[in-house]
């Protein structure tokens, strides 16, 4: 039995709650449009959308015992995920700036270390000279590790997170009365 049902070929993520108030964080006293989503709901929507990412944006169907206007759910939900997407992108920009600065430092040090290694190779003979030359060369290359990790490898999960948040934002939202489709 599939985890998500489909309507018209579109996967549906069903959310069943007694009332609108159950969608928001109860610790947050702000009015609904400014309130944070319930952390469990946020996690469920992100994980469900990630499961369905290859199929495009899902349809988010909110089943409520007490009906409400779609905008009462859609506006705060879209505002929440738009803010999360903006925050994620700001964080990545800071990481890239740090990675570029680290790369600049690493390149200057690697040039210094390799020059020192070449000098040691000419001036110091024996095991100690060879070992020191290798330590300087390897240390120079190790300095590149973090900038490469930040600039290249950390970008991979970021792209996935961004795609998931964009998919949640693009999802069609519906509000229905009742306990949900069976």
C-alpha atoms as a PDB file:
ATOM      1  CA  UNK A   1       0.000   0.000   0.000  1.00  0.00           C
ATOM      2  CA  UNK A   2       1.571   3.311  -1.013  1.00  0.00           C
ATOM      3  CA  UNK A   3       2.292   5.844   1.699  1.00  0.00           C
ATOM      4  CA  UNK A   4       0.738   8.731  -0.252  1.00  0.00           C
ATOM      5  CA  UNK A   5      -2.539   8.635  -2.086  1.00  0.00           C
ATOM      6  CA  UNK A   6      -2.990  10.259  -5.488  1.00  0.00           C
ATOM      7  CA  UNK A   7      -5.635  12.478  -7.016  1.00  0.00           C
ATOM      8  CA  UNK A   8      -5.515  13.113 -10.760  1.00  0.00           C
ATOM      9  CA  UNK A   9      -1.966  11.737 -10.877  1.00  0.00           C
ATOM     10  CA  UNK A  10      -0.728  14.170  -8.191  1.00  0.00           C
ATOM     11  CA  UNK A  11       0.526  12.733  -4.891  1.00  0.00           C
ATOM     12  CA  UNK A  12      -1.328  14.062  -1.856  1.00  0.00           C
ATOM     13  CA  UNK A  13       0.099  14.767   1.569  1.00  0.00           C
ATOM     14  CA  UNK A  14      -2.814  14.541   3.991  1.00  0.00           C
ATOM     15  CA  UNK A  15      -2.801  16.464   7.263  1.00  0.00           C
ATOM     16  CA  UNK A  16      -5.628  15.632   9.662  1.00  0.00           C
ATOM     17  CA  UNK A  17      -6.250  18.030  12.549  1.00  0.00           C
ATOM     18  CA  UNK A  18      -9.304  18.932  14.622  1.00  0.00           C
ATOM     19  CA  UNK A  19      -8.941  22.690  14.062  1.00  0.00           C
ATOM     20  CA  UNK A  20      -6.799  25.448  12.628  1.00  0.00           C
ATOM     21  CA  UNK A  21      -5.135  26.086  16.005  1.00  0.00           C
ATOM     22  CA  UNK A  22      -3.484  22.646  15.878  1.00  0.00           C
ATOM     23  CA  UNK A  23      -1.321  23.738  12.928  1.00  0.00           C
ATOM     24  CA  UNK A  24       0.573  26.367  14.884  1.00  0.00           C
ATOM     25  CA  UNK A  25       3.169  26.262  17.630  1.00  0.00           C
ATOM     26  CA  UNK A  26       1.297  26.554  20.911  1.00  0.00           C
ATOM     27  CA  UNK A  27       4.283  28.193  22.603  1.00  0.00           C
ATOM     28  CA  UNK A  28       4.054  31.175  20.227  1.00  0.00           C
ATOM     29  CA  UNK A  29       1.542  33.808  21.451  1.00  0.00           C
ATOM     30  CA  UNK A  30       1.536  35.892  18.223  1.00  0.00           C
ATOM     31  CA  UNK A  31      -1.565  36.151  16.003  1.00  0.00           C
ATOM     32  CA  UNK A  32      -2.032  33.321  13.482  1.00  0.00           C
ATOM     33  CA  UNK A  33      -0.470  34.960  10.423  1.00  0.00           C
ATOM     34  CA  UNK A  34       2.731  35.641  12.362  1.00  0.00           C
ATOM     35  CA  UNK A  35       2.872  32.402  14.312  1.00  0.00           C
ATOM     36  CA  UNK A  36       5.285  29.606  13.634  1.00  0.00           C
ATOM     37  CA  UNK A  37       4.014  26.311  12.364  1.00  0.00           C
ATOM     38  CA  UNK A  38       3.919  23.416  14.767  1.00  0.00           C
ATOM     39  CA  UNK A  39       7.405  21.814  14.619  1.00  0.00           C
ATOM     40  CA  UNK A  40       5.892  18.369  14.025  1.00  0.00           C
ATOM     41  CA  UNK A  41       3.810  19.673  11.117  1.00  0.00           C
ATOM     42  CA  UNK A  42       6.805  21.444   9.606  1.00  0.00           C
ATOM     43  CA  UNK A  43       8.878  18.263   9.832  1.00  0.00           C
ATOM     44  CA  UNK A  44       6.072  16.132   8.366  1.00  0.00           C
ATOM     45  CA  UNK A  45       5.586  18.478   5.400  1.00  0.00           C
ATOM     46  CA  UNK A  46       9.318  18.679   4.665  1.00  0.00           C
ATOM     47  CA  UNK A  47       9.873  14.925   4.939  1.00  0.00           C
ATOM     48  CA  UNK A  48       6.790  14.091   2.870  1.00  0.00           C
ATOM     49  CA  UNK A  49       7.762  16.574   0.179  1.00  0.00           C
ATOM     50  CA  UNK A  50      11.290  15.174   0.159  1.00  0.00           C
ATOM     51  CA  UNK A  51       9.866  11.672  -0.326  1.00  0.00           C
ATOM     52  CA  UNK A  52       7.909  12.963  -3.329  1.00  0.00           C
ATOM     53  CA  UNK A  53      10.532  15.350  -4.708  1.00  0.00           C
ATOM     54  CA  UNK A  54      11.118  13.394  -7.902  1.00  0.00           C
ATOM     55  CA  UNK A  55       7.393  13.588  -8.716  1.00  0.00           C
ATOM     56  CA  UNK A  56       7.108  17.365  -8.468  1.00  0.00           C
ATOM     57  CA  UNK A  57       5.213  19.478  -5.942  1.00  0.00           C
ATOM     58  CA  UNK A  58       2.596  17.490  -4.027  1.00  0.00           C
ATOM     59  CA  UNK A  59      -0.937  18.538  -3.165  1.00  0.00           C
ATOM     60  CA  UNK A  60      -1.193  19.416   0.538  1.00  0.00           C
ATOM     61  CA  UNK A  61      -4.656  18.491   1.773  1.00  0.00           C
ATOM     62  CA  UNK A  62      -5.629  19.741   5.225  1.00  0.00           C
ATOM     63  CA  UNK A  63      -8.562  17.836   6.713  1.00  0.00           C
ATOM     64  CA  UNK A  64     -10.251  19.782   9.505  1.00  0.00           C
ATOM     65  CA  UNK A  65     -13.239  18.915  11.651  1.00  0.00           C
ATOM     66  CA  UNK A  66     -14.022  22.628  11.867  1.00  0.00           C
ATOM     67  CA  UNK A  67     -13.799  24.171   8.376  1.00  0.00           C
ATOM     68  CA  UNK A  68     -11.874  27.361   7.657  1.00  0.00           C
ATOM     69  CA  UNK A  69     -10.843  29.424   4.664  1.00  0.00           C
ATOM     70  CA  UNK A  70      -7.918  28.060   2.622  1.00  0.00           C
ATOM     71  CA  UNK A  71      -6.056  31.369   3.046  1.00  0.00           C
ATOM     72  CA  UNK A  72      -6.070  30.870   6.829  1.00  0.00           C
ATOM     73  CA  UNK A  73      -3.695  27.979   6.243  1.00  0.00           C
ATOM     74  CA  UNK A  74      -2.065  28.908   2.943  1.00  0.00           C
ATOM     75  CA  UNK A  75      -0.798  32.379   3.915  1.00  0.00           C
ATOM     76  CA  UNK A  76       1.023  31.397   7.129  1.00  0.00           C
ATOM     77  CA  UNK A  77       2.308  28.167   5.571  1.00  0.00           C
ATOM     78  CA  UNK A  78       3.765  29.925   2.529  1.00  0.00           C
ATOM     79  CA  UNK A  79       5.174  32.733   4.694  1.00  0.00           C
ATOM     80  CA  UNK A  80       6.847  30.180   6.965  1.00  0.00           C
ATOM     81  CA  UNK A  81       8.496  28.221   4.155  1.00  0.00           C
ATOM     82  CA  UNK A  82       9.443  31.365   2.200  1.00  0.00           C
ATOM     83  CA  UNK A  83      11.227  32.594   5.328  1.00  0.00           C
ATOM     84  CA  UNK A  84      12.965  29.209   5.759  1.00  0.00           C
ATOM     85  CA  UNK A  85      14.103  29.289   2.129  1.00  0.00           C
ATOM     86  CA  UNK A  86      15.426  32.835   2.493  1.00  0.00           C
ATOM     87  CA  UNK A  87      17.226  31.859   5.707  1.00  0.00           C
ATOM     88  CA  UNK A  88      18.765  28.796   4.038  1.00  0.00           C
ATOM     89  CA  UNK A  89      20.017  30.892   1.106  1.00  0.00           C
ATOM     90  CA  UNK A  90      21.485  33.570   3.438  1.00  0.00           C
ATOM     91  CA  UNK A  91      23.294  30.843   5.381  1.00  0.00           C
ATOM     92  CA  UNK A  92      24.741  29.361   2.170  1.00  0.00           C
ATOM     93  CA  UNK A  93      25.943  32.787   0.997  1.00  0.00           C
ATOM     94  CA  UNK A  94      27.771  33.248   4.313  1.00  0.00           C
ATOM     95  CA  UNK A  95      29.313  29.779   3.938  1.00  0.00           C
ATOM     96  CA  UNK A  96      30.489  30.533   0.391  1.00  0.00           C
ATOM     97  CA  UNK A  97      32.054  33.832   1.504  1.00  0.00           C
ATOM     98  CA  UNK A  98      33.846  32.011   4.321  1.00  0.00           C
ATOM     99  CA  UNK A  99      34.925  29.265   1.901  1.00  0.00           C
ATOM    100  CA  UNK A 100      36.358  31.798  -0.566  1.00  0.00           C
ATOM    101  CA  UNK A 101      38.208  33.622   2.204  1.00  0.00           C
ATOM    102  CA  UNK A 102      39.528  30.290   3.511  1.00  0.00           C
ATOM    103  CA  UNK A 103      40.588  29.366  -0.017  1.00  0.00           C
ATOM    104  CA  UNK A 104      42.554  32.605  -0.333  1.00  0.00           C
ATOM    105  CA  UNK A 105      44.336  31.899   2.942  1.00  0.00           C
ATOM    106  CA  UNK A 106      44.968  28.263   1.984  1.00  0.00           C
ATOM    107  CA  UNK A 107      46.422  29.174  -1.422  1.00  0.00           C
ATOM    108  CA  UNK A 108      48.806  31.691   0.125  1.00  0.00           C
ATOM    109  CA  UNK A 109      49.920  29.163   2.752  1.00  0.00           C
ATOM    110  CA  UNK A 110      50.268  26.324   0.251  1.00  0.00           C
ATOM    111  CA  UNK A 111      52.565  28.492  -1.862  1.00  0.00           C
ATOM    112  CA  UNK A 112      54.638  29.262   1.235  1.00  0.00           C
ATOM    113  CA  UNK A 113      54.746  25.632   2.386  1.00  0.00           C
ATOM    114  CA  UNK A 114      55.678  24.270  -1.048  1.00  0.00           C
ATOM    115  CA  UNK A 115      58.445  26.886  -1.370  1.00  0.00           C
ATOM    116  CA  UNK A 116      59.695  25.934   2.091  1.00  0.00           C
ATOM    117  CA  UNK A 117      59.512  22.229   1.154  1.00  0.00           C
ATOM    118  CA  UNK A 118      61.621  22.841  -1.952  1.00  0.00           C
ATOM    119  CA  UNK A 119      64.194  24.770   0.101  1.00  0.00           C
ATOM    120  CA  UNK A 120      64.280  21.981   2.733  1.00  0.00           C
ATOM    121  CA  UNK A 121      64.749  19.379  -0.047  1.00  0.00           C
ATOM    122  CA  UNK A 122      67.839  21.218  -1.283  1.00  0.00           C
ATOM    123  CA  UNK A 123      69.345  22.246   2.035  1.00  0.00           C
ATOM    124  CA  UNK A 124      68.627  19.358   4.410  1.00  0.00           C
ATOM    125  CA  UNK A 125      69.715  15.858   3.548  1.00  0.00           C
ATOM    126  CA  UNK A 126      68.873  12.588   5.180  1.00  0.00           C
ATOM    127  CA  UNK A 127      65.731  11.245   6.728  1.00  0.00           C
ATOM    128  CA  UNK A 128      64.913  14.405   8.667  1.00  0.00           C
ATOM    129  CA  UNK A 129      65.092  16.573   5.537  1.00  0.00           C
ATOM    130  CA  UNK A 130      62.910  14.202   3.521  1.00  0.00           C
ATOM    131  CA  UNK A 131      60.386  13.942   6.377  1.00  0.00           C
ATOM    132  CA  UNK A 132      60.239  17.726   6.867  1.00  0.00           C
ATOM    133  CA  UNK A 133      59.806  18.268   3.119  1.00  0.00           C
ATOM    134  CA  UNK A 134      56.888  15.799   3.049  1.00  0.00           C
ATOM    135  CA  UNK A 135      55.296  17.337   6.169  1.00  0.00           C
ATOM    136  CA  UNK A 136      55.401  20.805   4.591  1.00  0.00           C
ATOM    137  CA  UNK A 137      53.982  19.585   1.267  1.00  0.00           C
ATOM    138  CA  UNK A 138      51.193  17.549   2.853  1.00  0.00           C
ATOM    139  CA  UNK A 139      50.355  20.356   5.318  1.00  0.00           C
ATOM    140  CA  UNK A 140      49.983  22.777   2.445  1.00  0.00           C
ATOM    141  CA  UNK A 141      47.545  20.509   0.631  1.00  0.00           C
ATOM    142  CA  UNK A 142      45.589  19.746   3.810  1.00  0.00           C
ATOM    143  CA  UNK A 143      44.898  23.475   4.132  1.00  0.00           C
ATOM    144  CA  UNK A 144      42.709  23.175   1.015  1.00  0.00           C
ATOM    145  CA  UNK A 145      40.499  20.557   2.633  1.00  0.00           C
ATOM    146  CA  UNK A 146      38.036  22.875   4.398  1.00  0.00           C
ATOM    147  CA  UNK A 147      37.608  25.411   1.564  1.00  0.00           C
ATOM    148  CA  UNK A 148      36.932  22.579  -0.916  1.00  0.00           C
ATOM    149  CA  UNK A 149      34.477  20.995   1.526  1.00  0.00           C
ATOM    150  CA  UNK A 150      32.606  24.276   2.053  1.00  0.00           C
ATOM    151  CA  UNK A 151      32.572  25.372  -1.581  1.00  0.00           C
ATOM    152  CA  UNK A 152      31.823  22.027  -3.217  1.00  0.00           C
ATOM    153  CA  UNK A 153      30.619  19.275  -0.916  1.00  0.00           C
ATOM    154  CA  UNK A 154      28.481  21.360   1.468  1.00  0.00           C
ATOM    155  CA  UNK A 155      26.606  22.685  -1.553  1.00  0.00           C
ATOM    156  CA  UNK A 156      25.159  19.258  -2.382  1.00  0.00           C
ATOM    157  CA  UNK A 157      22.833  18.887   0.636  1.00  0.00           C
ATOM    158  CA  UNK A 158      22.035  22.607   0.404  1.00  0.00           C
ATOM    159  CA  UNK A 159      20.726  22.143  -3.137  1.00  0.00           C
ATOM    160  CA  UNK A 160      18.486  19.305  -1.978  1.00  0.00           C
ATOM    161  CA  UNK A 161      17.151  21.312   0.978  1.00  0.00           C
ATOM    162  CA  UNK A 162      16.452  24.261  -1.306  1.00  0.00           C
ATOM    163  CA  UNK A 163      14.626  22.017  -3.792  1.00  0.00           C
ATOM    164  CA  UNK A 164      12.464  20.567  -1.005  1.00  0.00           C
ATOM    165  CA  UNK A 165      11.524  24.004   0.346  1.00  0.00           C
ATOM    166  CA  UNK A 166      10.722  25.246  -3.158  1.00  0.00           C
ATOM    167  CA  UNK A 167       8.542  22.185  -3.705  1.00  0.00           C
ATOM    168  CA  UNK A 168       6.608  22.871  -0.491  1.00  0.00           C
ATOM    169  CA  UNK A 169       6.123  26.468  -1.632  1.00  0.00           C
ATOM    170  CA  UNK A 170       4.905  25.320  -5.046  1.00  0.00           C
ATOM    171  CA  UNK A 171       2.494  22.761  -3.599  1.00  0.00           C
ATOM    172  CA  UNK A 172      -1.209  23.239  -4.179  1.00  0.00           C
ATOM    173  CA  UNK A 173      -2.997  23.653  -0.858  1.00  0.00           C
ATOM    174  CA  UNK A 174      -6.532  22.499  -0.210  1.00  0.00           C
ATOM    175  CA  UNK A 175      -8.679  22.578   2.911  1.00  0.00           C
ATOM    176  CA  UNK A 176     -11.380  19.972   3.275  1.00  0.00           C
ATOM    177  CA  UNK A 177     -13.881  19.202   5.973  1.00  0.00           C
ATOM    178  CA  UNK A 178     -13.894  15.811   7.608  1.00  0.00           C
ATOM    179  CA  UNK A 179     -11.513  13.203   8.905  1.00  0.00           C
ATOM    180  CA  UNK A 180      -9.767  12.580   5.579  1.00  0.00           C
ATOM    181  CA  UNK A 181      -9.758  10.281   2.621  1.00  0.00           C
ATOM    182  CA  UNK A 182      -9.541   6.603   3.373  1.00  0.00           C
END
